[in-house]
Amino acid sequence: MACLSVSQSEYIAERDARLAWISGFTGSAGTGVVTTKKAALWTDSRYWIQAERQMDCNWELQKIVWTDSIGEWLLQEIPAGENIGLDPFLFSIDLWNSYAHVLQGSSRTLVPIEDNLVDLVWGSQRPPLPTSEIYLLPETFTGSTWQEKVSGIRSQMEQHSRSPTAVLLSALEETAWLFNLRGDDISYNPVFYSYALLTTSDISLFVDRNRLSAEALQSLSALCPGPLCVQVEEYDQVRASVQAYAQGDVRVWIGTEYTTYGLYGVIPQDKLVESSYSPVMTTKAVKNTKEQALLKAAHVRDAVAMIQYLLWLEKNVPKGSVDEFSGARYVDKLRRDGTTDITRTVHWGEPTPFQKEAYTRVLMGNIDLARLVFPSETSGRMVEAFARQALWKVGLNYGHGTGHGIGNFLSVHEWPVGFQTKNVPLVKGMFTSIEPGYYQEGEFGIRIEDVALVVEAQTKHGAGEKAYLTFEVVSLVPYDRNLIDISFLSEDQIQYLNTYYETIRQRVGPELQRRQLEEEYEWLRRNTQPFSRGTLVATSLGTLAITSLVSTLLPDRQA
C-alpha cells in the first residue's frame, strides 16, 4: 500500500499544506509518496537544495518531476496486487488519469481514499477553515458585471456542438472571477473556498454563506428569482448536488485540468462534456479593456516601488545592513498593490566575464521573445524556443517554464496562458510573463522576468483573415547595466532596449516626479540612458555578489 500526496494549487491555505506538514518541505511544487517502507518526494530543480535542507533522513529526494518517473518508482517499490491510495479531491481528472495510464496492466490499483490519511494523522493540530469575509469587487475593477459574465458563458454553452446544460467550476479563481468576488483564504491569492454549478436556468455557488459580505449577498440575489439569481449552498454539499443534478437529462461541461476526480466520479460518462479547460477559465484569460488598463496602471505603480527598492539596496547593501529577511520585508512594504510579477537580477561589484555573458544571453532571450511577431492563435510552446536560443547557442539552458498568465487582482500565476505544452493558443488581450534564466548551483542565479500583453502587430504586408500578434511589455523597470555585455547584442536588440527605456522614462518618470521622488527620478534617468556600440555606461552598485529580486503577488483590495 502506498499513499500519494499532491496539491492542485501552487499556493495553498495553511490547512491544506499536507506535504509540508508530513515532510518539512515548504516549496510551492512537489509530490510525496509514502509506502510501508519508504517516503519519497519529487520536486523540480528550483527546490532541490531547499528540499535537501528541509527534509530529514526519512525522506528520499527524487530529482525527476514527470508523472511517468513517479509511476516507474511506484512500479519498482509497490508489489503487484497492491493498492495505491489517492485523495480524489486533491487530484484533477487529467492528473489521476496520467497515473492510471502509467500503472495500466501492472496489477496495481489506484484507490480513492476520501478520508485523507494525512489529515487523520494531523488531527486537531490541523489549522481550521478560514473565516474571513468574502467581498464584492466593484465593477470599476472588473469591466463587466457578474451577470454579463454569466450571460457570456451561457452563450458559449448554446454555441457548443454538444449543447451542454451546465458548467461545473472547480478552480477557485474561476468562481472568484465569474462572480466578481474576492477573499483571502490563500496567502498572496485573493480567492476563497468555493465551487459553482452554472446551468442554463440556475446558478449555484457552494461557499460558506456566513462569510459573504452584505454587499456580496445583495449582489448575488438582486435579480432573484430568475435565471440570474445565485443560490448559495454550503461548500460541502457540492458533491451531493452535482450527483443529484446528473441524474436528469443533462450534459455537464467540465475542464479536466482542474475538475477534481472526486466530482468527476459522480457524473455518468455519457453526460460529460470534457475540455482541458472550462469556458470560464479560457474567457478569463482574455482581459477586457478595463482589466488591461488596470494591469498596466498597476505596473506603473509597481515600477515606482521597485525603483525605490533598488535605490534603497544600492545605498544599504554596501553598508552590510541588508539581509534577505530585511530586504524582503522592505519590498513587501513598498509593493502591497495589484497583481504583478517581475524579476530583476543585479550585481554589486565586478561581475566575471562568464556572469556577464550568461546575464546578457538571458536578456537576449527575453528580448527575442518579447519582440517576436507571430500568427494569432499560435501555441506558446511553438515560440518558447526564442527565449532559449541565445543560451542554447553556447550550451546553456534553464530548467523552468518560460512564462505564465497573470490574473487581474487574482492569481499571479494564472493558467491556461503560457508557453508549456498544455497552455492555450495565444490571442489578443492575454497577459503572460516572459522569464528566461540561467543558474549555476552554488555560485549564482539569473532570471529576467517581465509581464507582457499580447497585442496586434503592425506588419509590412496585410495580415489577411488571421491577424499577426506580438507582445507589449508592461513591466517598466530597467535591467542592470553592470551585467550587460553589449558586444553580444545585435543592432535590433539594442534598438529594442533603447525604445523600451524611452517607454519607461515616459510612463514612470512623471509618476516619480508627481510623488516628488527626485532621487528615484535621477536613478531612473541614469539607468535608462540609451545604449550604443561605441559606449556603454556601467553603473557601479557596490561590492556584493549577485542576488535575484523575485517578486510575488502581495494581496490588497486595490487592483
Protein backbone atom coordinates (compact mmCIF):
# COMPACT_ATOMS: atom_id res chain seq x y z
CA MET A 1 0.00 0.00 0.00
CA ALA A 2 1.19 3.49 -0.83
CA CYS A 3 -0.32 6.92 -0.25
CA LEU A 4 0.36 9.67 -2.79
CA SER A 5 0.07 13.31 -1.69
CA VAL A 6 -0.19 16.31 -4.00
CA SER A 7 -1.99 19.66 -4.25
CA GLN A 8 -3.72 21.07 -7.32
CA SER A 9 -2.69 24.59 -6.40
CA GLU A 10 0.73 26.22 -6.34
CA TYR A 11 -0.36 28.39 -3.42
CA ILE A 12 -2.46 26.79 -0.71
CA ALA A 13 -4.04 27.61 2.64
CA GLU A 14 -2.24 26.51 5.81
CA ARG A 15 -4.78 23.74 6.46
CA ASP A 16 -4.00 22.24 3.05
CA ALA A 17 -0.20 22.23 3.42
CA ARG A 18 -0.16 18.48 3.91
CA LEU A 19 3.13 17.83 2.12
CA ALA A 20 4.89 20.49 4.19
CA TRP A 21 3.48 19.09 7.42
CA ILE A 22 4.45 15.50 6.73
CA SER A 23 7.84 16.09 5.06
CA GLY A 24 9.05 19.50 6.20
CA PHE A 25 9.43 20.68 2.58
CA THR A 26 7.74 24.05 2.02
CA GLY A 27 8.34 24.64 -1.71
CA SER A 28 5.41 25.52 -3.96
CA ALA A 29 5.67 22.37 -6.14
CA GLY A 30 6.11 18.80 -5.03
CA THR A 31 4.68 15.30 -4.87
CA GLY A 32 5.14 12.94 -1.95
CA VAL A 33 4.69 9.17 -1.80
CA VAL A 34 4.63 7.19 1.45
CA THR A 35 4.78 3.40 1.39
CA THR A 36 5.02 0.99 4.29
CA LYS A 37 8.81 1.07 3.91
CA LYS A 38 9.81 4.35 2.24
CA ALA A 39 8.93 8.01 1.80
CA ALA A 40 9.95 9.91 -1.33
CA LEU A 41 9.46 13.43 -2.63
CA TRP A 42 9.64 14.74 -6.20
CA THR A 43 10.22 18.42 -6.97
CA ASP A 44 11.79 20.47 -9.75
CA SER A 45 15.29 21.95 -9.91
CA ARG A 46 14.25 25.22 -8.25
CA TYR A 47 13.81 23.40 -4.95
CA TRP A 48 16.40 20.62 -4.81
CA ILE A 49 18.70 22.41 -2.40
CA GLN A 50 15.77 23.60 -0.27
CA ALA A 51 14.27 20.11 -0.09
CA GLU A 52 17.57 18.54 0.94
CA ARG A 53 17.88 21.06 3.75
CA GLN A 54 14.29 20.82 4.98
CA MET A 55 13.65 17.06 4.88
CA ASP A 56 15.12 14.60 7.34
CA CYS A 57 16.66 11.20 6.62
CA ASN A 58 13.24 9.51 6.45
CA TRP A 59 12.73 11.06 3.02
CA GLU A 60 14.35 10.39 -0.34
CA LEU A 61 14.60 13.29 -2.80
CA GLN A 62 13.83 12.38 -6.41
CA LYS A 63 15.14 14.92 -8.94
CA ILE A 64 12.86 13.97 -11.82
CA VAL A 65 9.40 15.56 -11.74
CA TRP A 66 7.42 13.86 -14.51
CA THR A 67 4.41 11.72 -13.66
CA ASP A 68 5.98 8.84 -15.58
CA SER A 69 9.02 8.89 -13.27
CA ILE A 70 6.78 8.74 -10.18
CA GLY A 71 4.83 5.91 -11.75
CA GLU A 72 8.01 3.98 -12.54
CA TRP A 73 9.14 4.38 -8.94
CA LEU A 74 5.78 3.03 -7.77
CA LEU A 75 6.13 0.03 -10.08
CA GLN A 76 9.52 -0.72 -8.54
CA GLU A 77 8.52 -0.21 -4.91
CA ILE A 78 4.93 -1.49 -4.78
CA PRO A 79 4.42 -5.24 -5.27
CA ALA A 80 1.90 -6.44 -7.85
CA GLY A 81 -1.59 -6.80 -6.42
CA GLU A 82 -1.20 -3.87 -4.02
CA ASN A 83 -3.24 -0.64 -3.92
CA ILE A 84 -2.12 2.97 -4.22
CA GLY A 85 -4.33 5.42 -2.35
CA LEU A 86 -5.10 8.96 -3.51
CA ASP A 87 -7.48 11.62 -2.20
CA PRO A 88 -9.81 12.12 -5.21
CA PHE A 89 -10.49 15.73 -4.22
CA LEU A 90 -6.79 16.62 -4.48
CA PHE A 91 -6.24 15.23 -7.98
CA SER A 92 -7.61 16.63 -11.21
CA ILE A 93 -9.08 14.25 -13.75
CA ASP A 94 -6.06 14.64 -16.01
CA LEU A 95 -3.56 14.00 -13.24
CA TRP A 96 -5.44 10.97 -11.94
CA ASN A 97 -5.65 9.53 -15.44
CA SER A 98 -1.95 10.13 -16.06
CA TYR A 99 -1.09 7.92 -13.06
CA ALA A 100 -3.66 5.35 -14.12
CA HIS A 101 -2.07 5.22 -17.57
CA VAL A 102 1.41 4.58 -16.17
CA LEU A 103 0.10 1.78 -13.91
CA GLN A 104 -2.22 0.23 -16.52
CA GLY A 105 -1.83 -3.53 -16.75
CA SER A 106 0.58 -3.69 -13.82
CA SER A 107 -1.81 -5.34 -11.33
CA ARG A 108 -1.52 -2.26 -9.15
CA THR A 109 -4.72 -0.30 -8.50
CA LEU A 110 -5.40 3.37 -7.79
CA VAL A 111 -7.86 3.60 -4.91
CA PRO A 112 -9.78 6.78 -3.95
CA ILE A 113 -9.41 7.46 -0.22
CA GLU A 114 -11.89 10.14 0.77
CA ASP A 115 -10.75 10.30 4.40
CA ASN A 116 -7.34 11.82 3.75
CA LEU A 117 -4.76 9.81 5.70
CA VAL A 118 -2.52 12.82 6.35
CA ASP A 119 -5.48 14.69 7.82
CA LEU A 120 -6.25 11.76 10.12
CA VAL A 121 -2.71 11.83 11.48
CA TRP A 122 -2.62 15.64 11.59
CA GLY A 123 -5.76 15.58 13.71
CA SER A 124 -6.61 18.54 15.92
CA GLN A 125 -3.34 20.27 15.06
CA ARG A 126 -4.56 20.92 11.53
CA PRO A 127 -5.36 24.64 11.05
CA PRO A 128 -9.09 25.49 10.93
CA LEU A 129 -11.08 26.62 7.91
CA PRO A 130 -10.81 30.34 7.06
CA THR A 131 -13.48 32.64 8.48
CA SER A 132 -12.58 36.00 6.91
CA GLU A 133 -15.05 37.98 4.83
CA ILE A 134 -15.67 37.31 1.13
CA TYR A 135 -16.29 40.66 -0.52
CA LEU A 136 -17.59 42.09 -3.78
CA LEU A 137 -15.14 43.65 -6.22
CA PRO A 138 -16.67 46.82 -7.73
CA GLU A 139 -17.33 46.95 -11.46
CA THR A 140 -14.71 49.70 -11.77
CA PHE A 141 -12.14 46.97 -11.13
CA THR A 142 -13.66 44.31 -13.39
CA GLY A 143 -15.01 46.00 -16.52
CA SER A 144 -18.15 43.84 -16.54
CA THR A 145 -20.79 42.68 -14.08
CA TRP A 146 -21.05 39.08 -13.00
CA GLN A 147 -24.43 38.92 -14.76
CA GLU A 148 -22.75 39.88 -18.04
CA LYS A 149 -20.11 37.20 -17.49
CA VAL A 150 -22.73 34.54 -16.77
CA SER A 151 -24.66 35.51 -19.90
CA GLY A 152 -21.45 35.21 -21.95
CA ILE A 153 -20.72 31.73 -20.62
CA ARG A 154 -24.30 30.65 -21.33
CA SER A 155 -23.89 31.88 -24.90
CA GLN A 156 -20.84 29.62 -25.26
CA MET A 157 -22.92 26.73 -23.92
CA GLU A 158 -25.56 27.38 -26.60
CA GLN A 159 -22.96 27.52 -29.36
CA HIS A 160 -21.21 24.29 -28.28
CA SER A 161 -21.78 21.37 -30.62
CA ARG A 162 -22.96 19.17 -27.74
CA SER A 163 -25.19 21.84 -26.14
CA PRO A 164 -24.14 21.34 -22.50
CA THR A 165 -26.81 22.16 -19.95
CA ALA A 166 -24.36 23.09 -17.18
CA VAL A 167 -20.79 24.15 -16.47
CA LEU A 168 -19.10 22.86 -13.32
CA LEU A 169 -16.40 25.12 -11.85
CA SER A 170 -13.76 23.66 -9.52
CA ALA A 171 -10.83 26.12 -9.69
CA LEU A 172 -11.04 28.81 -7.00
CA GLU A 173 -10.08 31.60 -9.39
CA GLU A 174 -12.95 30.59 -11.70
CA THR A 175 -15.65 31.35 -9.15
CA ALA A 176 -13.85 34.45 -7.89
CA TRP A 177 -13.66 35.84 -11.44
CA LEU A 178 -17.16 34.83 -12.53
CA PHE A 179 -18.97 36.41 -9.58
CA ASN A 180 -16.57 39.35 -9.05
CA LEU A 181 -15.87 38.15 -5.53
CA ARG A 182 -12.58 38.06 -3.65
CA GLY A 183 -11.31 36.63 -0.35
CA ASP A 184 -8.03 35.83 1.38
CA ASP A 185 -8.18 32.10 2.08
CA ILE A 186 -4.77 31.62 0.44
CA SER A 187 -1.82 33.92 1.02
CA TYR A 188 -0.98 36.16 -1.95
CA ASN A 189 -4.06 34.97 -3.88
CA PRO A 190 -7.40 36.75 -3.28
CA VAL A 191 -9.57 33.64 -3.64
CA PHE A 192 -11.82 31.61 -1.36
CA TYR A 193 -13.01 28.01 -0.96
CA SER A 194 -15.85 27.51 -3.43
CA TYR A 195 -17.42 25.58 -6.27
CA ALA A 196 -20.10 26.65 -8.74
CA LEU A 197 -22.63 24.93 -10.98
CA LEU A 198 -23.97 27.16 -13.73
CA THR A 199 -26.90 25.73 -15.70
CA THR A 200 -28.98 27.22 -18.49
CA SER A 201 -31.56 28.37 -15.96
CA ASP A 202 -29.99 28.26 -12.48
CA ILE A 203 -26.79 29.22 -10.67
CA SER A 204 -25.47 27.50 -7.55
CA LEU A 205 -22.49 28.85 -5.58
CA PHE A 206 -21.11 26.43 -2.98
CA VAL A 207 -19.47 28.52 -0.26
CA ASP A 208 -19.75 29.32 3.45
CA ARG A 209 -22.71 31.72 3.31
CA ASN A 210 -21.83 33.33 6.64
CA ARG A 211 -18.60 34.66 5.16
CA LEU A 212 -20.24 36.62 2.33
CA SER A 213 -20.42 40.34 2.99
CA ALA A 214 -23.84 42.01 2.97
CA GLU A 215 -22.91 43.75 -0.29
CA ALA A 216 -21.88 40.44 -1.88
CA LEU A 217 -25.10 38.72 -0.84
CA GLN A 218 -27.17 41.61 -2.15
CA SER A 219 -25.38 41.48 -5.49
CA LEU A 220 -25.89 37.74 -5.87
CA SER A 221 -29.59 37.90 -5.02
CA ALA A 222 -30.52 41.21 -6.68
CA LEU A 223 -32.32 39.53 -9.60
CA CYS A 224 -33.95 36.69 -7.66
CA PRO A 225 -35.98 34.80 -8.63
CA GLY A 226 -34.88 34.20 -12.20
CA PRO A 227 -32.05 32.86 -14.36
CA LEU A 228 -29.61 35.46 -12.95
CA CYS A 229 -30.28 34.56 -9.33
CA VAL A 230 -27.46 32.86 -7.41
CA GLN A 231 -28.49 30.20 -4.94
CA VAL A 232 -25.89 29.97 -2.16
CA GLU A 233 -25.37 26.41 -0.93
CA GLU A 234 -22.98 25.01 1.65
CA TYR A 235 -19.49 24.24 0.40
CA ASP A 236 -19.55 20.60 1.49
CA GLN A 237 -22.82 19.93 -0.37
CA VAL A 238 -21.29 20.24 -3.84
CA ARG A 239 -20.80 16.53 -4.46
CA ALA A 240 -24.34 15.61 -3.47
CA SER A 241 -25.81 18.48 -5.52
CA VAL A 242 -23.80 17.61 -8.63
CA GLN A 243 -24.72 13.95 -8.26
CA ALA A 244 -28.41 14.82 -7.97
CA TYR A 245 -28.27 17.13 -10.99
CA ALA A 246 -26.51 14.46 -13.05
CA GLN A 247 -29.48 12.09 -12.65
CA GLY A 248 -31.55 14.12 -15.12
CA ASP A 249 -31.36 14.60 -18.89
CA VAL A 250 -28.29 16.81 -18.67
CA ARG A 251 -24.79 17.32 -20.07
CA VAL A 252 -22.17 18.79 -17.73
CA TRP A 253 -19.24 20.74 -19.23
CA ILE A 254 -16.04 20.32 -17.23
CA GLY A 255 -12.39 21.30 -17.52
CA THR A 256 -10.32 18.18 -16.94
CA GLU A 257 -7.22 20.15 -15.86
CA TYR A 258 -9.00 21.48 -12.74
CA THR A 259 -12.12 19.42 -12.01
CA THR A 260 -11.36 17.03 -9.19
CA TYR A 261 -11.65 13.31 -9.70
CA GLY A 262 -13.97 13.24 -6.68
CA LEU A 263 -16.61 15.27 -8.54
CA TYR A 264 -15.90 13.64 -11.89
CA GLY A 265 -16.76 10.27 -10.41
CA VAL A 266 -20.40 11.16 -9.65
CA ILE A 267 -21.24 12.24 -13.21
CA PRO A 268 -22.10 9.42 -15.66
CA GLN A 269 -19.71 9.26 -18.59
CA ASP A 270 -22.42 9.76 -21.18
CA LYS A 271 -23.40 13.04 -19.52
CA LEU A 272 -19.95 14.61 -19.57
CA VAL A 273 -18.72 17.29 -21.98
CA GLU A 274 -14.96 17.39 -21.48
CA SER A 275 -12.43 20.09 -22.39
CA SER A 276 -8.99 20.71 -20.98
CA TYR A 277 -10.29 23.99 -19.53
CA SER A 278 -13.77 25.24 -18.74
CA PRO A 279 -15.20 28.17 -20.75
CA VAL A 280 -14.78 30.34 -17.66
CA MET A 281 -11.06 29.60 -17.50
CA THR A 282 -10.47 30.41 -21.17
CA THR A 283 -12.69 33.51 -21.14
CA LYS A 284 -10.96 34.85 -18.03
CA ALA A 285 -7.60 34.55 -19.80
CA VAL A 286 -8.51 37.30 -22.30
CA LYS A 287 -8.66 40.60 -20.44
CA ASN A 288 -11.22 43.26 -21.35
CA THR A 289 -10.17 46.87 -21.93
CA LYS A 290 -10.79 47.85 -18.29
CA GLU A 291 -8.73 44.93 -17.00
CA GLN A 292 -5.92 45.76 -19.43
CA ALA A 293 -5.87 49.37 -18.26
CA LEU A 294 -5.85 48.31 -14.60
CA LEU A 295 -2.97 45.88 -15.09
CA LYS A 296 -0.95 48.49 -16.99
CA ALA A 297 -1.56 51.07 -14.27
CA ALA A 298 -0.55 48.56 -11.58
CA HIS A 299 2.77 48.06 -13.34
CA VAL A 300 3.50 51.79 -13.31
CA ARG A 301 2.95 51.84 -9.55
CA ASP A 302 4.98 48.66 -9.24
CA ALA A 303 7.84 50.23 -11.20
CA VAL A 304 7.89 53.13 -8.73
CA ALA A 305 8.07 50.68 -5.84
CA MET A 306 10.81 48.61 -7.49
CA ILE A 307 12.89 51.69 -8.28
CA GLN A 308 12.56 52.82 -4.67
CA TYR A 309 13.71 49.37 -3.61
CA LEU A 310 16.68 49.16 -5.99
CA LEU A 311 17.87 52.60 -4.89
CA TRP A 312 17.49 51.57 -1.24
CA LEU A 313 19.55 48.43 -1.90
CA GLU A 314 22.18 50.44 -3.73
CA LYS A 315 22.60 52.62 -0.64
CA ASN A 316 22.38 49.98 2.07
CA VAL A 317 23.87 46.74 0.75
CA PRO A 318 27.45 48.15 0.74
CA LYS A 319 26.98 49.06 4.40
CA GLY A 320 26.24 45.42 5.25
CA SER A 321 22.89 46.39 6.76
CA VAL A 322 20.65 44.28 4.47
CA ASP A 323 19.93 40.56 4.59
CA GLU A 324 17.28 38.52 2.77
CA PHE A 325 14.73 38.93 5.56
CA SER A 326 15.07 42.70 5.95
CA GLY A 327 15.16 43.13 2.17
CA ALA A 328 12.00 41.07 1.71
CA ARG A 329 10.21 42.92 4.49
CA TYR A 330 11.05 46.30 2.96
CA VAL A 331 9.99 45.36 -0.57
CA ASP A 332 6.73 43.92 0.80
CA LYS A 333 6.04 47.27 2.43
CA LEU A 334 6.61 49.08 -0.87
CA ARG A 335 4.71 46.70 -3.15
CA ARG A 336 1.34 45.89 -1.49
CA ASP A 337 -0.51 46.73 -4.72
CA GLY A 338 -2.26 44.87 -7.54
CA THR A 339 -1.14 41.68 -9.28
CA THR A 340 2.34 41.98 -10.78
CA ASP A 341 5.30 39.70 -11.34
CA ILE A 342 8.79 40.94 -12.10
CA THR A 343 12.33 39.71 -11.59
CA ARG A 344 15.48 41.76 -11.84
CA THR A 345 18.93 40.29 -11.18
CA VAL A 346 21.57 42.78 -10.01
CA HIS A 347 25.28 42.65 -9.20
CA TRP A 348 27.15 44.85 -6.77
CA GLY A 349 30.80 44.80 -7.69
CA GLU A 350 32.71 43.42 -10.67
CA PRO A 351 30.95 40.51 -12.43
CA THR A 352 33.08 37.88 -14.12
CA PRO A 353 33.08 37.70 -17.92
CA PHE A 354 31.03 34.49 -17.75
CA GLN A 355 28.46 36.06 -15.43
CA LYS A 356 28.06 38.97 -17.82
CA GLU A 357 27.75 36.67 -20.81
CA ALA A 358 25.16 34.48 -19.07
CA TYR A 359 23.14 37.52 -17.99
CA THR A 360 23.33 39.09 -21.45
CA ARG A 361 22.22 35.87 -23.13
CA VAL A 362 19.26 35.63 -20.75
CA LEU A 363 18.41 39.22 -21.64
CA MET A 364 18.74 38.39 -25.34
CA GLY A 365 16.21 35.58 -24.88
CA ASN A 366 13.83 37.93 -23.10
CA ILE A 367 14.15 40.47 -25.92
CA ASP A 368 13.89 37.93 -28.74
CA LEU A 369 10.61 36.52 -27.44
CA ALA A 370 9.17 39.92 -26.49
CA ARG A 371 9.73 41.37 -29.98
CA LEU A 372 8.56 38.29 -31.86
CA VAL A 373 5.75 38.63 -34.44
CA PHE A 374 3.60 35.51 -34.90
CA PRO A 375 0.16 34.48 -36.25
CA SER A 376 -2.86 34.74 -33.97
CA GLU A 377 -3.74 31.56 -32.06
CA THR A 378 -0.16 30.30 -32.20
CA SER A 379 0.57 27.94 -29.33
CA GLY A 380 3.00 29.36 -26.78
CA ARG A 381 5.10 26.19 -26.91
CA MET A 382 5.72 26.87 -30.61
CA VAL A 383 7.58 30.12 -29.87
CA GLU A 384 9.13 29.31 -26.48
CA ALA A 385 12.47 28.39 -28.05
CA PHE A 386 13.09 32.04 -28.97
CA ALA A 387 13.68 32.69 -25.25
CA ARG A 388 16.30 29.93 -25.10
CA GLN A 389 18.15 30.18 -28.40
CA ALA A 390 20.86 32.63 -27.21
CA LEU A 391 21.62 30.26 -24.31
CA TRP A 392 21.41 27.11 -26.42
CA LYS A 393 23.88 28.56 -28.86
CA VAL A 394 26.65 28.26 -26.24
CA GLY A 395 25.40 25.13 -24.46
CA LEU A 396 23.44 26.77 -21.63
CA ASN A 397 19.80 26.35 -20.60
CA TYR A 398 17.33 26.69 -17.72
CA GLY A 399 15.07 24.10 -16.12
CA HIS A 400 11.83 26.00 -15.57
CA GLY A 401 8.99 27.29 -17.71
CA THR A 402 9.38 30.46 -19.74
CA GLY A 403 6.15 32.15 -18.66
CA HIS A 404 2.65 32.03 -17.24
CA GLY A 405 -0.57 34.01 -17.31
CA ILE A 406 -1.31 36.88 -14.93
CA GLY A 407 -4.65 37.48 -13.21
CA ASN A 408 -6.48 40.77 -12.73
CA PHE A 409 -6.28 41.01 -8.94
CA LEU A 410 -6.26 37.21 -8.90
CA SER A 411 -3.53 34.56 -9.09
CA VAL A 412 -0.10 35.83 -10.05
CA HIS A 413 0.49 32.50 -11.81
CA GLU A 414 -2.68 32.04 -13.83
CA TRP A 415 -3.38 29.20 -16.24
CA PRO A 416 -4.07 28.46 -19.04
CA VAL A 417 -1.81 31.11 -20.66
CA GLY A 418 1.89 30.46 -21.11
CA PHE A 419 4.49 28.59 -23.14
CA GLN A 420 4.11 24.98 -21.99
CA THR A 421 2.52 22.06 -23.79
CA LYS A 422 -0.92 22.31 -22.15
CA ASN A 423 -1.27 26.08 -22.44
CA VAL A 424 -3.92 27.51 -24.76
CA PRO A 425 -3.04 29.34 -28.01
CA LEU A 426 -2.08 33.00 -27.64
CA VAL A 427 -4.71 35.57 -28.61
CA LYS A 428 -5.00 39.34 -28.35
CA GLY A 429 -5.75 40.53 -24.80
CA MET A 430 -3.85 37.85 -22.87
CA PHE A 431 -1.14 38.72 -20.36
CA THR A 432 1.86 36.45 -19.88
CA SER A 433 5.20 36.63 -18.18
CA ILE A 434 8.43 36.19 -20.18
CA GLU A 435 11.13 34.89 -17.84
CA PRO A 436 14.21 33.08 -19.14
CA GLY A 437 17.07 32.43 -16.72
CA TYR A 438 20.33 30.64 -16.02
CA TYR A 439 21.53 29.04 -12.78
CA GLN A 440 24.91 27.72 -11.68
CA GLU A 441 24.39 25.73 -8.49
CA GLY A 442 26.30 27.03 -5.50
CA GLU A 443 27.52 30.14 -7.33
CA PHE A 444 24.86 32.40 -8.84
CA GLY A 445 21.45 32.58 -10.45
CA ILE A 446 19.97 34.84 -13.11
CA ARG A 447 16.39 35.48 -14.12
CA ILE A 448 14.89 38.37 -16.07
CA GLU A 449 11.11 38.43 -15.90
CA ASP A 450 8.66 40.85 -17.46
CA VAL A 451 4.90 40.80 -17.89
CA ALA A 452 3.65 41.37 -21.43
CA LEU A 453 0.28 41.93 -23.09
CA VAL A 454 -0.47 40.12 -26.34
CA VAL A 455 -1.34 42.82 -28.91
CA GLU A 456 -1.90 43.04 -32.65
CA ALA A 457 1.33 43.53 -34.61
CA GLN A 458 1.81 46.17 -37.30
CA THR A 459 3.21 44.21 -40.25
CA LYS A 460 4.51 45.44 -43.60
CA HIS A 461 2.02 43.38 -45.54
CA GLY A 462 -1.64 42.87 -44.75
CA ALA A 463 -2.38 40.12 -42.28
CA GLY A 464 -5.36 38.83 -44.25
CA GLU A 465 -8.03 36.97 -42.31
CA LYS A 466 -5.68 36.00 -39.50
CA ALA A 467 -4.11 38.85 -37.54
CA TYR A 468 -0.45 38.76 -36.52
CA LEU A 469 0.45 39.34 -32.90
CA THR A 470 3.35 40.47 -30.76
CA PHE A 471 3.97 41.43 -27.13
CA GLU A 472 3.76 44.79 -25.38
CA VAL A 473 5.93 44.64 -22.26
CA VAL A 474 4.12 46.35 -19.36
CA SER A 475 6.82 45.82 -16.70
CA LEU A 476 8.72 49.10 -16.52
CA VAL A 477 11.98 48.62 -14.60
CA PRO A 478 15.41 48.91 -16.26
CA TYR A 479 17.83 45.97 -16.38
CA ASP A 480 21.19 46.00 -14.59
CA ARG A 481 23.68 47.83 -16.84
CA ASN A 482 26.55 46.42 -14.82
CA LEU A 483 25.76 42.93 -16.12
CA ILE A 484 25.16 43.70 -19.80
CA ASP A 485 27.91 42.93 -22.29
CA ILE A 486 26.70 44.96 -25.25
CA SER A 487 29.08 43.21 -27.65
CA PHE A 488 26.72 40.20 -27.68
CA LEU A 489 23.68 42.27 -28.70
CA SER A 490 22.55 42.80 -32.28
CA GLU A 491 21.63 46.26 -33.53
CA ASP A 492 17.94 45.26 -33.44
CA GLN A 493 18.27 44.14 -29.82
CA ILE A 494 20.00 47.41 -28.88
CA GLN A 495 17.26 49.38 -30.61
CA TYR A 496 14.63 47.39 -28.75
CA LEU A 497 16.32 48.16 -25.42
CA ASN A 498 16.55 51.88 -26.21
CA THR A 499 12.87 52.03 -27.22
CA TYR A 500 11.90 50.15 -24.05
CA TYR A 501 13.92 52.52 -21.90
CA GLU A 502 12.29 55.52 -23.56
CA THR A 503 8.90 53.99 -22.71
CA ILE A 504 9.99 53.61 -19.07
CA ARG A 505 11.03 57.25 -18.89
CA GLN A 506 7.76 58.42 -20.41
CA ARG A 507 5.47 56.31 -18.23
CA VAL A 508 7.30 56.09 -14.91
CA GLY A 509 9.22 59.38 -14.86
CA PRO A 510 6.13 61.60 -14.48
CA GLU A 511 4.80 59.41 -11.65
CA LEU A 512 8.10 59.69 -9.75
CA GLN A 513 8.03 63.45 -10.18
CA ARG A 514 4.36 63.65 -9.16
CA ARG A 515 5.28 61.90 -5.91
CA GLN A 516 8.31 64.21 -5.54
CA LEU A 517 10.69 61.24 -5.59
CA GLU A 518 13.51 63.25 -7.11
CA GLU A 519 16.34 60.95 -6.08
CA GLU A 520 14.49 57.99 -7.59
CA TYR A 521 13.85 60.05 -10.73
CA GLU A 522 17.57 60.71 -11.11
CA TRP A 523 18.26 56.99 -10.60
CA LEU A 524 15.78 56.22 -13.38
CA ARG A 525 17.34 58.80 -15.69
CA ARG A 526 20.83 57.35 -15.15
CA ASN A 527 19.76 53.77 -15.64
CA THR A 528 17.76 54.34 -18.82
CA GLN A 529 20.42 56.10 -20.84
CA PRO A 530 20.50 54.82 -24.45
CA PHE A 531 22.90 52.02 -25.37
CA SER A 532 25.17 52.12 -28.40
CA ARG A 533 28.02 50.08 -29.83
CA GLY A 534 30.51 52.80 -29.07
CA THR A 535 29.65 53.46 -25.44
CA LEU A 536 28.31 51.52 -22.52
CA VAL A 537 27.82 53.39 -19.28
CA ALA A 538 28.17 50.85 -16.50
CA THR A 539 26.63 51.71 -13.18
CA SER A 540 28.50 50.54 -10.09
CA LEU A 541 26.19 49.34 -7.35
CA GLY A 542 28.57 48.39 -4.54
CA THR A 543 30.54 45.30 -3.64
CA LEU A 544 28.13 42.39 -3.13
CA ALA A 545 27.81 39.26 -5.25
CA ILE A 546 24.81 38.54 -7.42
CA THR A 547 21.34 38.38 -5.96
CA SER A 548 17.99 37.96 -7.66
CA LEU A 549 15.00 40.09 -6.79
CA VAL A 550 11.96 37.96 -7.40
CA SER A 551 8.52 39.47 -6.82
CA THR A 552 5.28 37.86 -5.82
CA LEU A 553 1.67 38.90 -5.62
CA LEU A 554 1.04 40.86 -2.45
CA PRO A 555 -2.68 40.97 -1.73
CA ASP A 556 -4.51 44.22 -1.42
CA ARG A 557 -8.03 45.21 -2.32
CA GLN A 558 -6.88 47.72 -4.88
CA ALA A 559 -6.30 46.20 -8.31
